[in-house]
Structures are given as C-alpha cells and as structure tokens.
Amino acid sequence: MSKKSRNELAQKILKDRDLSPAEEGEAAARQDGYDLEDALIPVYAVQVLATPLLVKFAKGEIDMEKLARAELKNRGLDLKGKWIGRRKK
C-alpha cells in the first residue's frame, strides 16, 4: 500500500466517530506515515529495548505475558485485540 493511500485510509478512519482509543491511535499513526507493518515484526519491537531490560526479559525476571495482558487491559482490549472498554463520549 502506498504512503498516499495509507494517509487517505487514515483520514477516512479518523472521520468515523465510533473508534476505540486504540483504533484512533492506529489511524493517527497511519496519518503520520508510521509504518505499522514494520511495527508488527517482533524482532523490531525488541531491538529498541534497553539492554538491562532485555536481559531481565531473557532471564525470566520480568513476565512479558503479564505485562502484555496488563497493557491490553489498559487499552481497553481483550486477548484478541478487540475493543471491550467503554465507548468514549
């Protein structure tokens, strides 16, 4: 998908008034030209972690699954990434 068509899609999505906060964030990222396809590649996500934090994850000192579940809950999403939180007014 070209950058222009992504931007057009983002503008169309942002016009929809029934988006979850997570969907709004994704649409705004698309509008800013952020490459969401790259963001979905796990190795890219870990490359930005500070080494001490990465070491703790590798040793099992930090429960990544627990963190991920908490973040999904904070975003109002279930384990499938589906919006379950309150609709904003």
Protein backbone atom coordinates (compact mmCIF):
# COMPACT_ATOMS: atom_id res chain seq x y z
CA MET A 1 0.00 0.00 0.00
CA SER A 2 1.43 3.38 -0.97
CA LYS A 3 2.04 6.10 1.58
CA LYS A 4 -0.63 8.25 -0.07
CA SER A 5 -3.30 5.54 0.10
CA ARG A 6 -2.37 4.85 3.75
CA ASN A 7 -2.86 8.53 4.53
CA GLU A 8 -6.20 8.57 2.73
CA LEU A 9 -7.27 5.49 4.68
CA ALA A 10 -6.20 7.14 7.94
CA GLN A 11 -8.19 10.27 7.15
CA LYS A 12 -11.25 8.18 6.34
CA ILE A 13 -10.86 6.19 9.56
CA LEU A 14 -10.44 9.33 11.67
CA LYS A 15 -13.76 10.66 10.33
CA ASP A 16 -15.53 7.68 11.89
CA ARG A 17 -16.76 8.75 15.32
CA ASP A 18 -17.13 5.24 16.73
CA LEU A 19 -13.45 4.28 17.09
CA SER A 20 -11.85 2.86 20.20
CA PRO A 21 -8.83 4.78 21.53
CA ALA A 22 -6.57 2.02 20.17
CA GLU A 23 -8.13 2.34 16.71
CA GLU A 24 -7.75 6.12 16.84
CA GLY A 25 -4.08 5.71 17.73
CA GLU A 26 -3.53 3.36 14.82
CA ALA A 27 -5.29 5.73 12.44
CA ALA A 28 -3.25 8.69 13.70
CA ALA A 29 -0.04 6.69 13.27
CA ARG A 30 -1.00 5.88 9.70
CA GLN A 31 -1.74 9.54 9.06
CA ASP A 32 1.72 10.46 10.37
CA GLY A 33 3.27 7.96 7.93
CA TYR A 34 4.35 5.47 10.61
CA ASP A 35 4.90 2.04 9.04
CA LEU A 36 2.60 -0.20 11.07
CA GLU A 37 3.63 -3.27 9.10
CA ASP A 38 7.17 -2.93 10.46
CA ALA A 39 5.82 -2.36 13.96
CA LEU A 40 4.23 -5.81 13.84
CA ILE A 41 7.57 -7.58 13.37
CA PRO A 42 8.57 -8.85 16.85
CA VAL A 43 12.31 -8.50 16.32
CA TYR A 44 11.88 -4.79 15.60
CA ALA A 45 9.95 -4.33 18.84
CA VAL A 46 12.74 -5.85 20.96
CA GLN A 47 15.53 -4.00 19.17
CA VAL A 48 14.51 -0.75 20.85
CA LEU A 49 14.63 -2.17 24.39
CA ALA A 50 17.44 -1.07 26.66
CA THR A 51 19.95 -3.88 27.23
CA PRO A 52 19.36 -4.20 31.01
CA LEU A 53 15.63 -4.60 30.39
CA LEU A 54 16.21 -7.11 27.60
CA VAL A 55 18.47 -9.14 29.92
CA LYS A 56 15.72 -9.24 32.57
CA PHE A 57 13.21 -10.46 29.97
CA ALA A 58 15.66 -13.13 28.77
CA LYS A 59 16.28 -14.37 32.33
CA GLY A 60 12.55 -14.53 33.04
CA GLU A 61 12.86 -11.89 35.76
CA ILE A 62 10.07 -9.91 34.09
CA ASP A 63 6.92 -11.68 32.98
CA MET A 64 6.35 -10.34 29.45
CA GLU A 65 2.97 -12.10 29.15
CA LYS A 66 1.75 -10.41 32.34
CA LEU A 67 2.93 -7.03 31.05
CA ALA A 68 1.26 -7.58 27.67
CA ARG A 69 -2.04 -8.60 29.29
CA ALA A 70 -1.96 -5.52 31.53
CA GLU A 71 -1.24 -3.24 28.58
CA LEU A 72 -4.12 -4.73 26.58
CA LYS A 73 -6.41 -4.15 29.55
CA ASN A 74 -5.17 -0.55 29.85
CA ARG A 75 -6.01 -0.05 26.18
CA GLY A 76 -9.49 -1.49 26.67
CA LEU A 77 -8.77 -4.55 24.52
CA ASP A 78 -9.32 -8.27 25.05
CA LEU A 79 -6.78 -11.01 24.25
CA LYS A 80 -7.85 -10.92 20.60
CA GLY A 81 -7.20 -7.18 20.37
CA LYS A 82 -10.92 -6.44 20.23
CA TRP A 83 -12.25 -3.30 21.92
CA ILE A 84 -14.09 -4.13 25.14
CA GLY A 85 -13.65 -0.88 27.08
CA ARG A 86 -16.11 1.95 27.47
CA ARG A 87 -17.03 3.95 24.43
CA LYS A 88 -15.77 7.48 24.67
CA LYS A 89 -18.30 10.30 24.63
